[in-house]
Amino acid sequence: MVLVMHDDIIVLVVPCVTYRSLADVMFHMISQNAAGRTALLIPLLDVLTNVFACEKYEKRRGVLMHHANLVWADAQRHIGNDSDLADVSCRNSRLRRTLTDGELGVIGELGL
């Protein structure tokens, strides 16, 4: 946190934003509202997969994986329909393949 003072009085407070804090704010709000909703969890995993394909910094990838794990755990807890859970599982697997094989692994899976 950065404090700007003028005449011994704090006139401006600027919080320090980190990649983790930014991701936490973005993904927690979305995932809380997506609990058990296949139509929201699948696009969330797709977005995380696309970001994984571009992100090369291990620390940032760890932050993204934390949120992917939360999404998958939520799906396992709250989705009662086996077909819907299978769809989310497929997207979760694709995300993990992207983590290990990069975007080429996903492109190969899609037959492109």
Protein backbone atom coordinates (compact mmCIF):
# COMPACT_ATOMS: atom_id res chain seq x y z
CA MET A 1 0.00 0.00 0.00
CA VAL A 2 1.27 3.42 -0.90
CA LEU A 3 0.33 6.39 1.24
CA VAL A 4 0.69 9.93 -0.03
CA MET A 5 0.89 12.54 2.68
CA HIS A 6 0.60 16.29 2.64
CA ASP A 7 1.35 18.27 5.79
CA ASP A 8 1.37 15.04 7.85
CA ILE A 9 -2.13 14.13 6.64
CA ILE A 10 -2.82 11.13 4.44
CA VAL A 11 -4.36 12.47 1.24
CA LEU A 12 -4.20 9.37 -0.96
CA VAL A 13 -4.10 5.63 -0.33
CA VAL A 14 -3.19 3.37 -3.24
CA PRO A 15 -3.41 -0.38 -2.61
CA CYS A 16 -0.72 -2.57 -4.11
CA VAL A 17 -2.25 -4.82 -6.71
CA THR A 18 -0.63 -8.15 -7.39
CA TYR A 19 -1.47 -10.73 -10.03
CA ARG A 20 -2.86 -12.98 -7.28
CA SER A 21 -5.01 -10.28 -5.69
CA LEU A 22 -6.37 -9.23 -9.07
CA ALA A 23 -7.17 -12.81 -10.08
CA ASP A 24 -8.75 -13.50 -6.69
CA VAL A 25 -11.11 -10.55 -7.00
CA MET A 26 -12.08 -11.43 -10.57
CA PHE A 27 -12.51 -15.17 -10.24
CA HIS A 28 -14.01 -15.41 -6.76
CA MET A 29 -16.96 -13.23 -7.64
CA ILE A 30 -17.59 -15.09 -10.88
CA SER A 31 -17.14 -18.56 -9.41
CA GLN A 32 -19.38 -17.79 -6.42
CA ASN A 33 -22.19 -16.88 -8.79
CA ALA A 34 -21.45 -19.83 -11.07
CA ALA A 35 -21.72 -22.48 -8.34
CA GLY A 36 -23.26 -25.56 -9.90
CA ARG A 37 -24.09 -23.83 -13.19
CA THR A 38 -22.59 -25.76 -16.04
CA ALA A 39 -23.32 -22.97 -18.52
CA LEU A 40 -21.07 -20.65 -16.49
CA LEU A 41 -18.38 -23.08 -15.33
CA ILE A 42 -17.53 -24.28 -18.85
CA PRO A 43 -16.77 -20.78 -20.23
CA LEU A 44 -14.82 -19.99 -17.06
CA LEU A 45 -12.61 -23.05 -17.64
CA ASP A 46 -12.30 -22.11 -21.32
CA VAL A 47 -11.06 -18.63 -20.39
CA LEU A 48 -8.58 -20.08 -17.90
CA THR A 49 -7.38 -22.51 -20.59
CA ASN A 50 -6.80 -19.66 -23.04
CA VAL A 51 -4.88 -17.67 -20.46
CA PHE A 52 -2.78 -20.74 -19.58
CA ALA A 53 -1.85 -21.09 -23.23
CA CYS A 54 -0.35 -17.58 -23.19
CA GLU A 55 1.02 -17.32 -19.65
CA LYS A 56 4.62 -18.43 -19.29
CA TYR A 57 5.39 -17.28 -15.73
CA GLU A 58 5.16 -20.21 -13.31
CA LYS A 59 3.99 -18.09 -10.39
CA ARG A 60 1.09 -16.73 -12.42
CA ARG A 61 0.27 -20.19 -13.74
CA GLY A 62 0.05 -21.33 -10.13
CA VAL A 63 -2.50 -18.61 -9.41
CA LEU A 64 -4.54 -19.67 -12.44
CA MET A 65 -4.35 -23.34 -11.47
CA HIS A 66 -5.61 -22.49 -7.99
CA HIS A 67 -8.73 -20.98 -9.53
CA ALA A 68 -9.14 -23.85 -11.99
CA ASN A 69 -8.99 -26.27 -9.05
CA LEU A 70 -11.68 -24.27 -7.26
CA VAL A 71 -13.93 -24.39 -10.32
CA TRP A 72 -13.46 -28.15 -10.72
CA ALA A 73 -14.07 -28.82 -7.01
CA ASP A 74 -17.23 -26.72 -7.18
CA ALA A 75 -18.45 -28.64 -10.22
CA GLN A 76 -17.88 -31.97 -8.48
CA ARG A 77 -19.79 -30.79 -5.40
CA HIS A 78 -22.74 -29.09 -7.03
CA ILE A 79 -23.46 -30.56 -10.46
CA GLY A 80 -25.85 -33.47 -10.09
CA ASN A 81 -26.37 -34.24 -13.77
CA ASP A 82 -23.76 -36.77 -14.94
CA SER A 83 -23.75 -35.47 -18.51
CA ASP A 84 -23.17 -31.89 -17.38
CA LEU A 85 -20.39 -32.98 -15.02
CA ALA A 86 -18.79 -34.92 -17.89
CA ASP A 87 -18.80 -31.75 -20.02
CA VAL A 88 -17.10 -29.76 -17.26
CA SER A 89 -14.65 -32.63 -16.72
CA CYS A 90 -13.73 -32.53 -20.41
CA ARG A 91 -12.98 -28.80 -20.19
CA ASN A 92 -11.00 -29.35 -16.98
CA SER A 93 -8.93 -32.06 -18.73
CA ARG A 94 -8.31 -29.74 -21.67
CA LEU A 95 -7.06 -27.05 -19.29
CA ARG A 96 -4.64 -29.51 -17.67
CA ARG A 97 -3.38 -30.68 -21.07
CA THR A 98 -2.73 -27.06 -21.96
CA LEU A 99 -0.74 -26.72 -18.76
CA THR A 100 1.51 -29.65 -19.67
CA ASP A 101 1.49 -29.58 -23.50
CA GLY A 102 0.75 -25.95 -24.27
CA GLU A 103 -1.71 -24.75 -26.85
CA LEU A 104 -0.55 -27.37 -29.36
CA GLY A 105 -1.89 -30.14 -27.15
CA VAL A 106 -5.34 -28.59 -27.20
CA ILE A 107 -5.21 -27.90 -30.95
CA GLY A 108 -4.34 -31.57 -31.55
CA GLU A 109 -7.24 -32.67 -29.37
CA LEU A 110 -9.65 -30.49 -31.33
CA GLY A 111 -8.44 -31.93 -34.64
CA LEU A 112 -7.33 -28.58 -36.00
